[in-house]
Amino acid sequence: MNDYRQQLIDTYKAADVPASDVFAQSFNIEDLDYWIKNEPAYGANAVYLIDDSNETAKDKTFNKDDATTWKHSLADIKARGINTIAPALWLLVTTDGKGNMQPSEYAKQAKANGLKIITWSIERSGPLADGGDWYYSGLGDAINNDGDMMNYIDVLAQDVGVQGIFFRLARYSELLCQLQRS
């Protein structure tokens, strides 16, 4: 596995890509540990991709508002030298039970531990009138139409403080840029 980890960085080096321009990412925290230890210039920007499949504590069901269900605390992730995390959307936002979206405990702890946050992927689900599927887990009382996606983005940007959102389709990022300019 270390051969793969090193080969990825060596490829950037061979192409003369500055470490400051590389944001190597992985769902495997050991990949980031390797880059931080062996290639610290590249490891400084490494991004830990997170969903419930790689961050659920043994014999638990992941709950974004219950730290006892998380495999690693956000303080532990930061202590490993990881500076940027990229959790799935639904890990970062919850509701107040009255139809309003707000930062989850996961998001609050990430912010409190000084982690930069990028998230993914805003447009992957079905119609929000149908619940929005996995990417909108736990937001049932706050979403009922596709326009609620903009409320979601606003909470992510303003309240959670995400630095970016991965998009699969260019048209959504174009729309977001247009909205930002208006």
N, C-alpha and C. Protein backbone atom coordinates (compact mmCIF):
# COMPACT_ATOMS: atom_id res chain seq x y z
N MET A 1 0.82 -1.20 0.00
CA MET A 1 0.00 0.00 0.00
C MET A 1 0.87 1.26 0.00
N ASN A 2 1.99 1.21 0.71
CA ASN A 2 2.87 2.38 0.74
C ASN A 2 3.40 2.72 -0.64
N ASP A 3 3.57 1.68 -1.50
CA ASP A 3 4.03 1.95 -2.86
C ASP A 3 3.04 2.84 -3.60
N TYR A 4 1.75 2.54 -3.46
CA TYR A 4 0.71 3.37 -4.08
C TYR A 4 0.76 4.79 -3.52
N ARG A 5 0.84 4.88 -2.22
CA ARG A 5 0.83 6.19 -1.56
C ARG A 5 1.99 7.05 -2.06
N GLN A 6 3.16 6.44 -2.16
CA GLN A 6 4.33 7.18 -2.61
C GLN A 6 4.26 7.48 -4.10
N GLN A 7 3.75 6.50 -4.87
CA GLN A 7 3.66 6.69 -6.32
C GLN A 7 2.78 7.89 -6.66
N LEU A 8 1.71 8.07 -5.94
CA LEU A 8 0.82 9.21 -6.18
C LEU A 8 1.59 10.53 -6.04
N ILE A 9 2.33 10.66 -4.96
CA ILE A 9 3.08 11.89 -4.73
C ILE A 9 4.23 12.02 -5.74
N ASP A 10 4.90 10.91 -6.02
CA ASP A 10 6.00 10.93 -6.99
C ASP A 10 5.53 11.39 -8.37
N THR A 11 4.30 11.05 -8.73
CA THR A 11 3.74 11.47 -10.01
C THR A 11 3.62 12.99 -10.06
N TYR A 12 3.15 13.59 -8.99
CA TYR A 12 3.07 15.06 -8.93
C TYR A 12 4.46 15.68 -8.99
N LYS A 13 5.39 15.10 -8.26
CA LYS A 13 6.76 15.63 -8.27
C LYS A 13 7.37 15.56 -9.67
N ALA A 14 7.17 14.42 -10.35
CA ALA A 14 7.73 14.24 -11.69
C ALA A 14 7.14 15.24 -12.68
N ALA A 15 5.91 15.66 -12.42
CA ALA A 15 5.24 16.64 -13.29
C ALA A 15 5.52 18.08 -12.84
N ASP A 16 6.37 18.24 -11.84
CA ASP A 16 6.71 19.57 -11.30
C ASP A 16 5.50 20.34 -10.78
N VAL A 17 4.55 19.61 -10.21
CA VAL A 17 3.39 20.26 -9.59
C VAL A 17 3.77 20.63 -8.16
N PRO A 18 3.71 21.91 -7.82
CA PRO A 18 4.08 22.31 -6.46
C PRO A 18 3.18 21.66 -5.41
N ALA A 19 3.76 21.30 -4.29
CA ALA A 19 2.99 20.66 -3.21
C ALA A 19 1.80 21.52 -2.80
N SER A 20 1.96 22.83 -2.85
CA SER A 20 0.87 23.73 -2.45
C SER A 20 -0.34 23.65 -3.37
N ASP A 21 -0.17 23.08 -4.57
CA ASP A 21 -1.27 22.92 -5.52
C ASP A 21 -1.92 21.54 -5.46
N VAL A 22 -1.40 20.66 -4.63
CA VAL A 22 -1.88 19.28 -4.58
C VAL A 22 -2.72 19.07 -3.32
N PHE A 23 -3.91 18.54 -3.52
CA PHE A 23 -4.81 18.20 -2.42
C PHE A 23 -5.14 16.71 -2.54
N ALA A 24 -4.15 15.87 -2.23
CA ALA A 24 -4.36 14.43 -2.29
C ALA A 24 -5.48 14.08 -1.33
N GLN A 25 -6.36 13.17 -1.74
CA GLN A 25 -7.51 12.85 -0.92
C GLN A 25 -7.72 11.35 -0.85
N SER A 26 -8.27 10.90 0.27
CA SER A 26 -8.51 9.48 0.46
C SER A 26 -9.55 9.26 1.55
N PHE A 27 -10.29 8.16 1.42
CA PHE A 27 -11.19 7.69 2.48
C PHE A 27 -10.41 6.89 3.53
N ASN A 28 -9.16 6.56 3.23
CA ASN A 28 -8.33 5.74 4.11
C ASN A 28 -7.43 6.66 4.94
N ILE A 29 -7.68 6.77 6.22
CA ILE A 29 -6.93 7.69 7.07
C ILE A 29 -5.44 7.34 7.11
N GLU A 30 -5.12 6.06 6.91
CA GLU A 30 -3.71 5.65 6.90
C GLU A 30 -2.96 6.24 5.70
N ASP A 31 -3.66 6.49 4.59
CA ASP A 31 -3.03 7.18 3.46
C ASP A 31 -2.56 8.56 3.89
N LEU A 32 -3.42 9.28 4.58
CA LEU A 32 -3.05 10.62 5.04
C LEU A 32 -1.92 10.56 6.06
N ASP A 33 -1.97 9.58 6.96
CA ASP A 33 -0.88 9.41 7.92
C ASP A 33 0.45 9.26 7.19
N TYR A 34 0.46 8.45 6.13
CA TYR A 34 1.68 8.22 5.36
C TYR A 34 2.17 9.52 4.72
N TRP A 35 1.28 10.24 4.05
CA TRP A 35 1.68 11.47 3.37
C TRP A 35 2.20 12.51 4.36
N ILE A 36 1.54 12.62 5.50
CA ILE A 36 1.95 13.59 6.51
C ILE A 36 3.35 13.25 7.04
N LYS A 37 3.59 11.97 7.27
CA LYS A 37 4.89 11.54 7.82
C LYS A 37 6.01 11.58 6.78
N ASN A 38 5.74 11.05 5.58
CA ASN A 38 6.78 10.84 4.58
C ASN A 38 6.90 11.94 3.54
N GLU A 39 5.84 12.69 3.33
CA GLU A 39 5.82 13.77 2.35
C GLU A 39 5.09 14.97 2.97
N PRO A 40 5.67 15.55 4.03
CA PRO A 40 4.93 16.58 4.78
C PRO A 40 4.47 17.78 3.97
N ALA A 41 5.20 18.15 2.95
CA ALA A 41 4.76 19.29 2.12
C ALA A 41 3.46 18.95 1.41
N TYR A 42 3.31 17.69 0.98
CA TYR A 42 2.08 17.25 0.32
C TYR A 42 1.02 16.87 1.36
N GLY A 43 1.45 16.31 2.46
CA GLY A 43 0.53 15.91 3.51
C GLY A 43 -0.19 17.08 4.16
N ALA A 44 0.42 18.25 4.12
CA ALA A 44 -0.20 19.43 4.74
C ALA A 44 -1.54 19.78 4.12
N ASN A 45 -1.70 19.49 2.82
CA ASN A 45 -2.96 19.78 2.12
C ASN A 45 -3.82 18.55 1.91
N ALA A 46 -3.41 17.40 2.42
CA ALA A 46 -4.17 16.17 2.19
C ALA A 46 -5.58 16.30 2.77
N VAL A 47 -6.54 15.71 2.08
CA VAL A 47 -7.95 15.82 2.45
C VAL A 47 -8.47 14.44 2.84
N TYR A 48 -9.01 14.35 4.05
CA TYR A 48 -9.60 13.10 4.53
C TYR A 48 -11.08 13.08 4.16
N LEU A 49 -11.43 12.21 3.20
CA LEU A 49 -12.81 12.02 2.77
C LEU A 49 -13.53 11.18 3.82
N ILE A 50 -14.72 11.60 4.21
CA ILE A 50 -15.41 10.93 5.31
C ILE A 50 -16.87 10.67 4.95
N ASP A 51 -17.30 9.44 5.23
CA ASP A 51 -18.72 9.13 5.27
C ASP A 51 -18.92 8.14 6.41
N ASP A 52 -20.15 7.69 6.60
CA ASP A 52 -20.40 6.81 7.73
C ASP A 52 -19.71 5.45 7.59
N SER A 53 -19.31 5.06 6.38
CA SER A 53 -18.68 3.75 6.20
C SER A 53 -17.26 3.69 6.74
N ASN A 54 -16.54 4.81 6.79
CA ASN A 54 -15.16 4.78 7.28
C ASN A 54 -14.98 5.49 8.61
N GLU A 55 -16.02 6.02 9.18
CA GLU A 55 -15.88 6.75 10.44
C GLU A 55 -16.91 6.33 11.49
N THR A 56 -17.41 5.10 11.40
CA THR A 56 -18.35 4.62 12.40
C THR A 56 -17.61 3.76 13.41
N ALA A 57 -17.82 4.04 14.69
CA ALA A 57 -17.19 3.26 15.76
C ALA A 57 -17.72 1.82 15.72
N LYS A 58 -16.87 0.90 16.15
CA LYS A 58 -17.22 -0.52 16.16
C LYS A 58 -18.50 -0.76 16.96
N ASP A 59 -19.38 -1.55 16.36
CA ASP A 59 -20.65 -1.94 16.97
C ASP A 59 -21.59 -0.76 17.22
N LYS A 60 -21.44 0.31 16.46
CA LYS A 60 -22.31 1.48 16.59
C LYS A 60 -22.95 1.79 15.24
N THR A 61 -23.97 2.62 15.26
CA THR A 61 -24.55 3.20 14.06
C THR A 61 -24.19 4.67 14.09
N PHE A 62 -23.60 5.16 13.00
CA PHE A 62 -23.12 6.54 12.97
C PHE A 62 -24.26 7.52 13.20
N ASN A 63 -24.00 8.48 14.06
CA ASN A 63 -24.94 9.56 14.33
C ASN A 63 -24.14 10.86 14.35
N LYS A 64 -24.45 11.76 13.45
CA LYS A 64 -23.69 13.01 13.32
C LYS A 64 -23.77 13.90 14.55
N ASP A 65 -24.70 13.61 15.44
CA ASP A 65 -24.86 14.41 16.64
C ASP A 65 -24.46 13.67 17.92
N ASP A 66 -23.78 12.51 17.76
CA ASP A 66 -23.35 11.71 18.91
C ASP A 66 -21.92 11.24 18.70
N ALA A 67 -20.98 11.91 19.35
CA ALA A 67 -19.56 11.62 19.16
C ALA A 67 -19.17 10.20 19.58
N THR A 68 -19.97 9.55 20.42
CA THR A 68 -19.64 8.18 20.82
C THR A 68 -19.80 7.19 19.68
N THR A 69 -20.44 7.61 18.60
CA THR A 69 -20.63 6.71 17.44
C THR A 69 -19.56 6.91 16.38
N TRP A 70 -18.64 7.83 16.59
CA TRP A 70 -17.61 8.14 15.60
C TRP A 70 -16.35 7.33 15.88
N LYS A 71 -15.74 6.83 14.84
CA LYS A 71 -14.51 6.04 14.97
C LYS A 71 -13.36 6.87 15.52
N HIS A 72 -13.20 8.08 15.02
CA HIS A 72 -12.15 9.01 15.47
C HIS A 72 -12.81 10.31 15.92
N SER A 73 -12.35 10.86 17.03
CA SER A 73 -12.83 12.18 17.39
C SER A 73 -12.21 13.19 16.43
N LEU A 74 -12.84 14.34 16.28
CA LEU A 74 -12.28 15.37 15.42
C LEU A 74 -10.98 15.90 15.99
N ALA A 75 -10.85 15.90 17.32
CA ALA A 75 -9.58 16.30 17.95
C ALA A 75 -8.47 15.32 17.57
N ASP A 76 -8.78 14.02 17.55
CA ASP A 76 -7.78 13.01 17.16
C ASP A 76 -7.37 13.18 15.70
N ILE A 77 -8.34 13.47 14.85
CA ILE A 77 -8.04 13.67 13.43
C ILE A 77 -7.09 14.86 13.28
N LYS A 78 -7.37 15.94 13.96
CA LYS A 78 -6.49 17.12 13.90
C LYS A 78 -5.11 16.80 14.49
N ALA A 79 -5.08 16.05 15.59
CA ALA A 79 -3.81 15.70 16.24
C ALA A 79 -2.91 14.85 15.34
N ARG A 80 -3.51 14.12 14.39
CA ARG A 80 -2.73 13.32 13.44
C ARG A 80 -2.02 14.20 12.42
N GLY A 81 -2.37 15.48 12.40
CA GLY A 81 -1.77 16.39 11.42
C GLY A 81 -2.66 16.65 10.23
N ILE A 82 -3.86 16.10 10.25
CA ILE A 82 -4.82 16.33 9.17
C ILE A 82 -5.43 17.72 9.36
N ASN A 83 -5.39 18.51 8.30
CA ASN A 83 -5.89 19.88 8.37
C ASN A 83 -7.24 20.08 7.69
N THR A 84 -7.56 19.20 6.73
CA THR A 84 -8.78 19.37 5.94
C THR A 84 -9.54 18.06 5.89
N ILE A 85 -10.82 18.14 6.21
CA ILE A 85 -11.70 16.98 6.09
C ILE A 85 -12.75 17.27 5.03
N ALA A 86 -13.27 16.20 4.44
CA ALA A 86 -14.33 16.33 3.44
C ALA A 86 -15.42 15.31 3.76
N PRO A 87 -16.26 15.64 4.75
CA PRO A 87 -17.37 14.74 5.07
C PRO A 87 -18.49 14.85 4.03
N ALA A 88 -19.25 13.77 3.91
CA ALA A 88 -20.46 13.82 3.10
C ALA A 88 -21.38 14.92 3.66
N LEU A 89 -22.15 15.52 2.78
CA LEU A 89 -23.05 16.62 3.17
C LEU A 89 -23.82 16.37 4.46
N TRP A 90 -24.46 15.21 4.52
CA TRP A 90 -25.41 14.96 5.59
C TRP A 90 -24.76 14.88 6.96
N LEU A 91 -23.45 14.71 7.02
CA LEU A 91 -22.78 14.69 8.32
C LEU A 91 -22.67 16.08 8.94
N LEU A 92 -22.85 17.11 8.14
CA LEU A 92 -22.58 18.48 8.58
C LEU A 92 -23.81 19.28 8.99
N VAL A 93 -24.99 18.83 8.60
CA VAL A 93 -26.20 19.62 8.85
C VAL A 93 -27.27 18.73 9.47
N THR A 94 -27.96 19.28 10.44
CA THR A 94 -29.07 18.60 11.09
C THR A 94 -30.24 19.59 11.16
N THR A 95 -31.30 19.23 11.84
CA THR A 95 -32.41 20.17 11.99
C THR A 95 -32.69 20.40 13.47
N ASP A 96 -33.43 21.45 13.73
CA ASP A 96 -33.80 21.77 15.11
C ASP A 96 -35.13 21.12 15.49
N GLY A 97 -35.69 20.29 14.60
CA GLY A 97 -36.97 19.65 14.86
C GLY A 97 -38.16 20.52 14.51
N LYS A 98 -37.89 21.75 14.07
CA LYS A 98 -38.95 22.69 13.70
C LYS A 98 -38.84 23.10 12.24
N GLY A 99 -38.09 22.31 11.45
CA GLY A 99 -37.96 22.59 10.03
C GLY A 99 -36.82 23.51 9.66
N ASN A 100 -35.95 23.81 10.59
CA ASN A 100 -34.81 24.68 10.31
C ASN A 100 -33.51 23.88 10.32
N MET A 101 -32.67 24.11 9.31
CA MET A 101 -31.37 23.44 9.25
C MET A 101 -30.36 24.20 10.09
N GLN A 102 -29.44 23.44 10.67
CA GLN A 102 -28.39 24.02 11.50
C GLN A 102 -27.18 23.09 11.49
N PRO A 103 -26.00 23.58 11.90
CA PRO A 103 -24.82 22.73 11.92
C PRO A 103 -25.01 21.54 12.87
N SER A 104 -24.53 20.39 12.45
CA SER A 104 -24.56 19.20 13.30
C SER A 104 -23.45 19.29 14.34
N GLU A 105 -23.49 18.41 15.31
CA GLU A 105 -22.42 18.33 16.30
C GLU A 105 -21.09 18.02 15.62
N TYR A 106 -21.14 17.18 14.59
CA TYR A 106 -19.93 16.84 13.85
C TYR A 106 -19.30 18.10 13.26
N ALA A 107 -20.12 18.93 12.64
CA ALA A 107 -19.63 20.19 12.05
C ALA A 107 -19.09 21.12 13.13
N LYS A 108 -19.81 21.23 14.23
CA LYS A 108 -19.37 22.12 15.32
C LYS A 108 -18.01 21.68 15.86
N GLN A 109 -17.84 20.37 16.05
CA GLN A 109 -16.57 19.89 16.59
C GLN A 109 -15.43 20.04 15.58
N ALA A 110 -15.73 19.84 14.31
CA ALA A 110 -14.70 20.03 13.27
C ALA A 110 -14.22 21.48 13.31
N LYS A 111 -15.16 22.39 13.36
CA LYS A 111 -14.83 23.82 13.40
C LYS A 111 -14.05 24.17 14.68
N ALA A 112 -14.50 23.64 15.82
CA ALA A 112 -13.85 23.92 17.10
C ALA A 112 -12.42 23.40 17.14
N ASN A 113 -12.14 22.36 16.36
CA ASN A 113 -10.79 21.78 16.32
C ASN A 113 -9.94 22.37 15.21
N GLY A 114 -10.44 23.41 14.56
CA GLY A 114 -9.65 24.11 13.55
C GLY A 114 -9.47 23.37 12.25
N LEU A 115 -10.37 22.44 11.96
CA LEU A 115 -10.29 21.71 10.70
C LEU A 115 -10.97 22.50 9.59
N LYS A 116 -10.33 22.56 8.44
CA LYS A 116 -10.96 23.12 7.24
C LYS A 116 -11.94 22.06 6.74
N ILE A 117 -13.06 22.52 6.18
CA ILE A 117 -14.10 21.59 5.74
C ILE A 117 -14.44 21.83 4.28
N ILE A 118 -14.41 20.74 3.52
CA ILE A 118 -14.93 20.69 2.15
C ILE A 118 -16.01 19.60 2.22
N THR A 119 -17.04 19.67 1.41
CA THR A 119 -18.06 18.63 1.47
C THR A 119 -18.46 18.18 0.07
N TRP A 120 -19.25 17.13 -0.01
CA TRP A 120 -19.65 16.52 -1.28
C TRP A 120 -20.99 15.83 -1.09
N SER A 121 -21.72 15.64 -2.04
CA SER A 121 -21.84 16.16 -3.37
C SER A 121 -23.28 16.61 -3.50
N ILE A 122 -23.49 17.86 -3.70
CA ILE A 122 -24.78 18.53 -3.52
C ILE A 122 -25.87 18.03 -4.46
N GLU A 123 -25.55 17.60 -5.65
CA GLU A 123 -26.60 17.32 -6.64
C GLU A 123 -26.82 15.83 -6.91
N ARG A 124 -26.36 14.96 -6.05
CA ARG A 124 -26.39 13.53 -6.33
C ARG A 124 -27.74 12.86 -6.04
N SER A 125 -28.61 13.46 -5.29
CA SER A 125 -29.83 12.80 -4.85
C SER A 125 -31.00 13.05 -5.78
N GLY A 126 -32.06 12.33 -5.49
CA GLY A 126 -33.29 12.52 -6.24
C GLY A 126 -34.00 13.79 -5.79
N PRO A 127 -35.23 14.00 -6.26
CA PRO A 127 -35.98 15.21 -5.90
C PRO A 127 -36.12 15.35 -4.39
N LEU A 128 -35.95 16.57 -3.91
CA LEU A 128 -36.04 16.80 -2.47
C LEU A 128 -37.47 16.65 -1.96
N ALA A 129 -38.44 16.79 -2.84
CA ALA A 129 -39.83 16.55 -2.44
C ALA A 129 -40.03 15.09 -2.02
N ASP A 130 -39.13 14.20 -2.50
CA ASP A 130 -39.18 12.78 -2.14
C ASP A 130 -38.22 12.45 -1.01
N GLY A 131 -37.63 13.44 -0.38
CA GLY A 131 -36.75 13.20 0.75
C GLY A 131 -35.27 13.34 0.47
N GLY A 132 -34.88 13.33 -0.81
CA GLY A 132 -33.49 13.59 -1.16
C GLY A 132 -32.51 12.46 -0.98
N ASP A 133 -32.91 11.33 -0.48
CA ASP A 133 -32.04 10.16 -0.35
C ASP A 133 -30.91 10.39 0.66
N TRP A 134 -29.84 9.59 0.52
CA TRP A 134 -28.73 9.50 1.48
C TRP A 134 -28.07 10.84 1.76
N TYR A 135 -27.87 11.68 0.75
CA TYR A 135 -27.16 12.94 0.94
C TYR A 135 -27.93 13.95 1.79
N TYR A 136 -29.17 13.68 2.04
CA TYR A 136 -30.01 14.58 2.84
C TYR A 136 -30.55 13.86 4.08
N SER A 137 -29.87 12.81 4.51
CA SER A 137 -30.29 12.03 5.67
C SER A 137 -30.48 12.91 6.90
N GLY A 138 -31.61 12.71 7.57
CA GLY A 138 -31.88 13.43 8.80
C GLY A 138 -32.43 14.83 8.62
N LEU A 139 -32.77 15.20 7.40
CA LEU A 139 -33.27 16.56 7.16
C LEU A 139 -34.73 16.57 6.72
N GLY A 140 -35.43 15.48 6.95
CA GLY A 140 -36.80 15.34 6.46
C GLY A 140 -37.74 16.47 6.81
N ASP A 141 -37.63 17.02 8.02
CA ASP A 141 -38.55 18.10 8.39
C ASP A 141 -38.13 19.46 7.86
N ALA A 142 -36.97 19.53 7.18
CA ALA A 142 -36.48 20.82 6.68
C ALA A 142 -36.45 20.90 5.15
N ILE A 143 -36.75 19.80 4.48
CA ILE A 143 -36.74 19.83 3.02
C ILE A 143 -38.05 19.30 2.46
N ASN A 144 -38.56 19.98 1.44
CA ASN A 144 -39.76 19.48 0.77
C ASN A 144 -39.82 19.88 -0.69
N ASN A 145 -38.77 20.59 -1.18
CA ASN A 145 -38.74 20.95 -2.60
C ASN A 145 -37.28 21.20 -3.00
N ASP A 146 -37.02 21.19 -4.29
CA ASP A 146 -35.64 21.32 -4.77
C ASP A 146 -35.01 22.66 -4.42
N GLY A 147 -35.81 23.68 -4.18
CA GLY A 147 -35.27 24.98 -3.78
C GLY A 147 -34.59 24.93 -2.41
N ASP A 148 -34.94 23.93 -1.61
CA ASP A 148 -34.30 23.80 -0.29
C ASP A 148 -32.82 23.49 -0.40
N MET A 149 -32.38 23.08 -1.59
CA MET A 149 -30.95 22.86 -1.81
C MET A 149 -30.18 24.16 -1.56
N MET A 150 -30.76 25.28 -1.96
CA MET A 150 -30.09 26.57 -1.76
C MET A 150 -30.01 26.93 -0.27
N ASN A 151 -31.05 26.57 0.50
CA ASN A 151 -30.99 26.76 1.95
C ASN A 151 -29.88 25.91 2.56
N TYR A 152 -29.78 24.69 2.07
CA TYR A 152 -28.74 23.75 2.52
C TYR A 152 -27.35 24.34 2.26
N ILE A 153 -27.15 24.84 1.04
CA ILE A 153 -25.86 25.45 0.68
C ILE A 153 -25.58 26.66 1.56
N ASP A 154 -26.61 27.45 1.85
CA ASP A 154 -26.43 28.63 2.69
C ASP A 154 -25.99 28.23 4.10
N VAL A 155 -26.61 27.21 4.68
CA VAL A 155 -26.22 26.74 6.02
C VAL A 155 -24.79 26.21 5.98
N LEU A 156 -24.46 25.45 4.94
CA LEU A 156 -23.09 24.93 4.82
C LEU A 156 -22.07 26.06 4.75
N ALA A 157 -22.38 27.08 3.97
CA ALA A 157 -21.43 28.19 3.78
C ALA A 157 -21.39 29.12 4.99
N GLN A 158 -22.55 29.56 5.45
CA GLN A 158 -22.61 30.60 6.48
C GLN A 158 -22.45 30.06 7.90
N ASP A 159 -23.09 28.94 8.19
CA ASP A 159 -23.11 28.44 9.57
C ASP A 159 -22.04 27.38 9.84
N VAL A 160 -21.86 26.46 8.90
CA VAL A 160 -20.84 25.42 9.05
C VAL A 160 -19.47 25.98 8.70
N GLY A 161 -19.42 26.82 7.68
CA GLY A 161 -18.14 27.41 7.26
C GLY A 161 -17.35 26.57 6.29
N VAL A 162 -18.05 25.77 5.46
CA VAL A 162 -17.31 24.96 4.48
C VAL A 162 -16.55 25.87 3.52
N GLN A 163 -15.40 25.39 3.10
CA GLN A 163 -14.58 26.15 2.16
C GLN A 163 -14.86 25.79 0.72
N GLY A 164 -15.57 24.69 0.52
CA GLY A 164 -15.90 24.28 -0.84
C GLY A 164 -16.86 23.11 -0.83
N ILE A 165 -17.51 22.91 -1.96
CA ILE A 165 -18.43 21.79 -2.16
C ILE A 165 -18.05 21.12 -3.46
N PHE A 166 -17.83 19.80 -3.42
CA PHE A 166 -17.59 19.05 -4.65
C PHE A 166 -18.91 18.93 -5.40
N PHE A 167 -18.86 19.20 -6.68
CA PHE A 167 -20.02 19.03 -7.56
C PHE A 167 -19.67 18.00 -8.61
N ARG A 168 -20.61 17.20 -9.00
CA ARG A 168 -20.41 16.22 -10.07
C ARG A 168 -20.72 16.82 -11.43
N LEU A 169 -21.61 17.79 -11.45
CA LEU A 169 -22.05 18.37 -12.71
C LEU A 169 -21.71 19.86 -12.75
N ALA A 170 -21.08 20.27 -13.82
CA ALA A 170 -20.62 21.66 -13.94
C ALA A 170 -21.77 22.67 -13.86
N ARG A 171 -22.95 22.31 -14.34
CA ARG A 171 -24.04 23.28 -14.37
C ARG A 171 -24.41 23.77 -12.97
N TYR A 172 -24.25 22.93 -11.95
CA TYR A 172 -24.56 23.36 -10.59
C TYR A 172 -23.54 24.36 -10.07
N SER A 173 -22.27 24.12 -10.38
CA SER A 173 -21.26 25.08 -9.92
C SER A 173 -21.42 26.40 -10.65
N GLU A 174 -21.84 26.36 -11.92
CA GLU A 174 -22.10 27.60 -12.66
C GLU A 174 -23.25 28.36 -12.02
N LEU A 175 -24.31 27.64 -11.65
CA LEU A 175 -25.46 28.26 -11.00
C LEU A 175 -25.05 28.89 -9.67
N LEU A 176 -24.25 28.18 -8.90
CA LEU A 176 -23.80 28.71 -7.62
C LEU A 176 -22.98 29.98 -7.81
N CYS A 177 -22.12 30.01 -8.81
CA CYS A 177 -21.33 31.22 -9.10
C CYS A 177 -22.24 32.38 -9.49
N GLN A 178 -23.28 32.09 -10.28
CA GLN A 178 -24.21 33.15 -10.68
C GLN A 178 -24.96 33.70 -9.46
N LEU A 179 -25.37 32.81 -8.57
CA LEU A 179 -26.08 33.25 -7.37
C LEU A 179 -25.17 34.07 -6.47
N GLN A 180 -23.92 33.68 -6.40
CA GLN A 180 -22.97 34.40 -5.56
C GLN A 180 -22.75 35.82 -6.06
N ARG A 181 -22.78 36.00 -7.38
CA ARG A 181 -22.57 37.32 -7.97
C ARG A 181 -23.77 38.23 -7.81
N SER A 182 -24.97 37.65 -7.64
CA SER A 182 -26.18 38.49 -7.58
C SER A 182 -26.45 39.01 -6.19
